[in-house]
Amino acid sequence: MIKLKKRGEETTGLMLSPMIDMIFLLLIFFIVSAMYMTESNAIQVKLPKSATGALQNTELFNVTVKEDGSYWLQNAAVDERALINRIKEGAREDKNFAVIIRADERAPYGYVIRLLDILKKEGVHKVSLATDRGKTP
């Protein structure tokens, strides 16, 4: 004999799988966006202002020159020899290797020029100078 369900006995349940998927997607989105926002601004420098600067959204090699003339790569201070080695490694791995120089506006000009010379010697021709948007003084 075949047993049939009665019409009034339908059980409605809450589908948890789609909600869990959405929660994980939102979590991943916020983690990735938070990492992107803090990566380039982790080392505090006062950038010079530029009214005509263009915004670049590509992921590049960031070198920071602080007010005391020290070089920083990502979030760590590096000496010149280590910086040269990292630049060589990056240029060897990628023919379109590009560098963004984030120099404090009070940093000695000679350190920025020295960094540009190092990049030119290593064959890096795609170099950008980071600035803040705003009116120049």
Protein backbone atom coordinates (compact mmCIF):
# COMPACT_ATOMS: atom_id res chain seq x y z
CA MET A 1 0.00 0.00 0.00
CA ILE A 2 1.27 3.49 -0.88
CA LYS A 3 1.44 6.06 1.88
CA LEU A 4 0.65 9.60 0.85
CA LYS A 5 1.48 12.71 2.84
CA LYS A 6 -1.37 14.68 4.20
CA ARG A 7 -1.63 18.21 2.90
CA GLY A 8 -1.36 19.92 6.26
CA GLU A 9 1.89 18.23 7.32
CA GLU A 10 4.36 20.19 5.13
CA THR A 11 7.37 21.28 7.10
CA THR A 12 8.95 24.52 6.14
CA GLY A 13 12.56 24.99 7.13
CA LEU A 14 15.04 27.76 6.95
CA MET A 15 17.64 27.20 4.23
CA LEU A 16 20.97 27.86 5.97
CA SER A 17 23.35 27.02 3.12
CA PRO A 18 22.65 30.13 1.01
CA MET A 19 22.84 32.38 4.09
CA ILE A 20 26.18 30.90 5.15
CA ASP A 21 27.51 31.33 1.61
CA MET A 22 26.48 34.99 1.59
CA ILE A 23 28.03 35.61 5.01
CA PHE A 24 31.34 34.12 3.86
CA LEU A 25 31.29 36.18 0.66
CA LEU A 26 30.68 39.38 2.64
CA LEU A 27 33.42 38.45 5.09
CA ILE A 28 35.91 37.86 2.28
CA PHE A 29 34.92 41.14 0.61
CA PHE A 30 35.50 43.17 3.78
CA ILE A 31 38.79 41.45 4.58
CA VAL A 32 40.17 42.03 1.08
CA SER A 33 38.98 45.64 0.93
CA ALA A 34 40.43 46.38 4.37
CA MET A 35 43.78 44.90 3.35
CA TYR A 36 43.84 46.99 0.18
CA MET A 37 43.02 50.20 2.03
CA THR A 38 45.74 49.79 4.66
CA GLU A 39 48.55 48.43 2.49
CA SER A 40 49.78 51.59 0.82
CA ASN A 41 49.18 53.89 3.79
CA ALA A 42 50.79 51.80 6.51
CA ILE A 43 53.89 54.00 6.69
CA GLN A 44 52.92 57.52 7.64
CA VAL A 45 54.49 60.16 5.42
CA LYS A 46 53.24 63.57 4.43
CA LEU A 47 53.05 63.45 0.64
CA PRO A 48 53.38 66.61 -1.41
CA LYS A 49 50.20 67.98 -2.95
CA SER A 50 49.43 67.93 -6.67
CA ALA A 51 46.41 69.37 -8.41
CA THR A 52 46.98 67.36 -11.61
CA GLY A 53 47.89 63.96 -10.16
CA ALA A 54 46.16 60.91 -11.65
CA LEU A 55 44.84 58.00 -9.61
CA GLN A 56 46.28 54.56 -10.32
CA ASN A 57 44.50 51.46 -9.05
CA THR A 58 47.09 48.89 -10.03
CA GLU A 59 49.12 46.89 -7.56
CA LEU A 60 52.71 48.04 -7.78
CA PHE A 61 56.00 47.93 -5.92
CA ASN A 62 55.78 50.66 -3.23
CA VAL A 63 58.98 52.26 -1.92
CA THR A 64 58.65 54.92 0.78
CA VAL A 65 61.30 57.54 1.52
CA LYS A 66 60.79 58.93 5.02
CA GLU A 67 61.77 62.35 6.30
CA ASP A 68 65.05 61.01 7.73
CA GLY A 69 66.01 59.55 4.32
CA SER A 70 65.34 55.91 5.24
CA TYR A 71 63.85 53.56 2.64
CA TRP A 72 60.81 51.44 3.48
CA LEU A 73 59.44 48.57 1.47
CA GLN A 74 55.84 47.66 2.28
CA ASN A 75 55.91 47.92 6.13
CA ALA A 76 59.59 47.31 6.88
CA ALA A 77 62.66 49.50 6.78
CA VAL A 78 65.29 48.24 4.34
CA ASP A 79 68.84 49.26 3.66
CA GLU A 80 69.91 50.24 0.18
CA ARG A 81 71.53 46.88 -0.65
CA ALA A 82 68.36 44.93 0.29
CA LEU A 83 66.25 47.37 -1.71
CA ILE A 84 68.45 46.90 -4.78
CA ASN A 85 68.17 43.11 -4.45
CA ARG A 86 64.37 43.27 -4.23
CA ILE A 87 64.21 45.59 -7.24
CA LYS A 88 66.44 43.23 -9.26
CA GLU A 89 64.26 40.28 -8.28
CA GLY A 90 61.04 42.08 -9.22
CA ALA A 91 62.42 43.34 -12.54
CA ARG A 92 63.66 39.84 -13.41
CA GLU A 93 60.26 38.24 -12.68
CA ASP A 94 58.13 40.81 -14.51
CA LYS A 95 59.10 42.72 -17.63
CA ASN A 96 56.39 45.31 -16.83
CA PHE A 97 57.75 45.90 -13.32
CA ALA A 98 56.67 49.30 -11.99
CA VAL A 99 57.54 51.24 -8.85
CA ILE A 100 55.64 53.89 -6.90
CA ILE A 101 57.86 56.20 -4.85
CA ARG A 102 56.11 57.63 -1.80
CA ALA A 103 58.48 60.33 -0.57
CA ASP A 104 57.75 62.55 2.39
CA GLU A 105 57.64 66.20 1.31
CA ARG A 106 60.35 66.95 3.87
CA ALA A 107 62.60 64.09 2.73
CA PRO A 108 65.97 65.17 1.35
CA TYR A 109 65.74 65.48 -2.42
CA GLY A 110 69.03 63.59 -2.83
CA TYR A 111 67.53 60.35 -1.48
CA VAL A 112 64.73 60.42 -4.06
CA ILE A 113 67.22 61.10 -6.87
CA ARG A 114 69.45 58.28 -5.60
CA LEU A 115 66.46 55.92 -5.68
CA LEU A 116 65.62 57.02 -9.23
CA ASP A 117 69.24 56.34 -10.25
CA ILE A 118 69.08 52.85 -8.71
CA LEU A 119 65.86 52.10 -10.60
CA LYS A 120 67.35 53.33 -13.88
CA LYS A 121 70.50 51.20 -13.41
CA GLU A 122 68.35 48.12 -12.82
CA GLY A 123 66.33 48.77 -15.99
CA VAL A 124 63.09 49.86 -14.31
CA HIS A 125 61.50 52.51 -16.51
CA LYS A 126 57.96 52.60 -15.10
CA VAL A 127 58.20 54.87 -12.07
CA SER A 128 55.46 56.95 -10.45
CA LEU A 129 55.71 59.55 -7.70
CA ALA A 130 52.85 59.44 -5.18
CA THR A 131 51.15 62.69 -4.20
CA ASP A 132 48.08 63.78 -2.29
CA ARG A 133 45.27 65.47 -4.15
CA GLY A 134 44.84 69.12 -3.42
CA LYS A 135 46.14 72.55 -4.21
CA THR A 136 49.86 73.06 -4.30
CA PRO A 137 51.13 75.56 -1.75
